[in-house]
């Protein structure tokens, strides 16, 4: 059954996620119509003392009823269910569990990229493919629990840096805006792009951690959000004003200068972060190609991808601004830059858009 698909044309506010490390176990709800899947996930979660199952539901309607009376930190949500699908139920789940993060775990995440990306743009924090029978192994369990713990704030360390920081000076006037994001970043990126003035025409490069099969749909989503052309970069793609280029899922987006043109080169060389695509190679290559005339943006995400690239940009005189902890699903990537004192601003997505417009001398109104 194909899930109902609500409109995603409305810019929803970023989810408040001001979380310190949890005082007790992370409370998890599993919403899936398969008893086998609910049982497998429950066993995985219950085997870790840092987590607890606080509820399971066989359909979205049951989950919504339960959320009226119990507190949850992380919801594992299937999209393909009889009756009200997960995508249709997502806005209500986000409303009732306002402090929770939603991890979409569905067989649709591989072949139904459009539905999964719609969920992510609406406020779901991350996605993970539901394995086929026999695929619930140790490696899958480790990956699942890592995501749950990050979304539940178990590795949160937000005390050493401010959660919001006013804008400081711009180093060099940018000729390119480059954005890096991961977990929770799609929702933030949609908000940021919608908030940019229509007159803003600098090229925008995006590296978002997503599977390769998702990228064409992701490009269409960003095109709708930004009202400007968005394409997945390929070898020798030319960087043009007024357009968005997206790193493909199977390679890093490297930028080289050829005479007066910036051109894309794809690379699969291992990145320090282990990510493919990675933000670091994009930032590092832009630092060289543009001699620091780059405005880098780091949005919500796990880990510290982008930190090394930010150092390269800063060394060349570039500027980097990051999403604040309060609006981030996970303050790993932006937090690593802020804690290294490399961020010229630490703000929610709407204010990041205004800052970009200000730095690039574009009026903020659309």
Foldseek 3Di string as FASTA:
>chain_A
DAADADDLLDQDAFFFAPDAADPAAAEEEEEALDPVVVVLVQVLQVVDRNHHYPYYYNHLVVVLVVLQPDAHAEYAAEQDHPDHGRNNSLVSVCVSRRNHAYEHEYCCVQVVLLSVLSSLLNHHFYYDYHDDPPPSDPVVSVVVVVVSCQLSNNVDDDPLFDLWDDFDDAQAAAQEEEEEEEGSVSNLLLLLLLQADLPQWREYEYEYADAQSNVVSSQVSSCSSNVFHEDEADFFAWGGTRYYYYDGQQWEWAWADDVPTITTHTDNPADPQRTRHFQQRHLLRCCVRVQLNYEYEYEADAAAGPQNSLVSSVVSRHAYAYEGPRSHSGCHHVVVCRSVVSHSTYHGSSVVSVVVCVSNVHDSHD
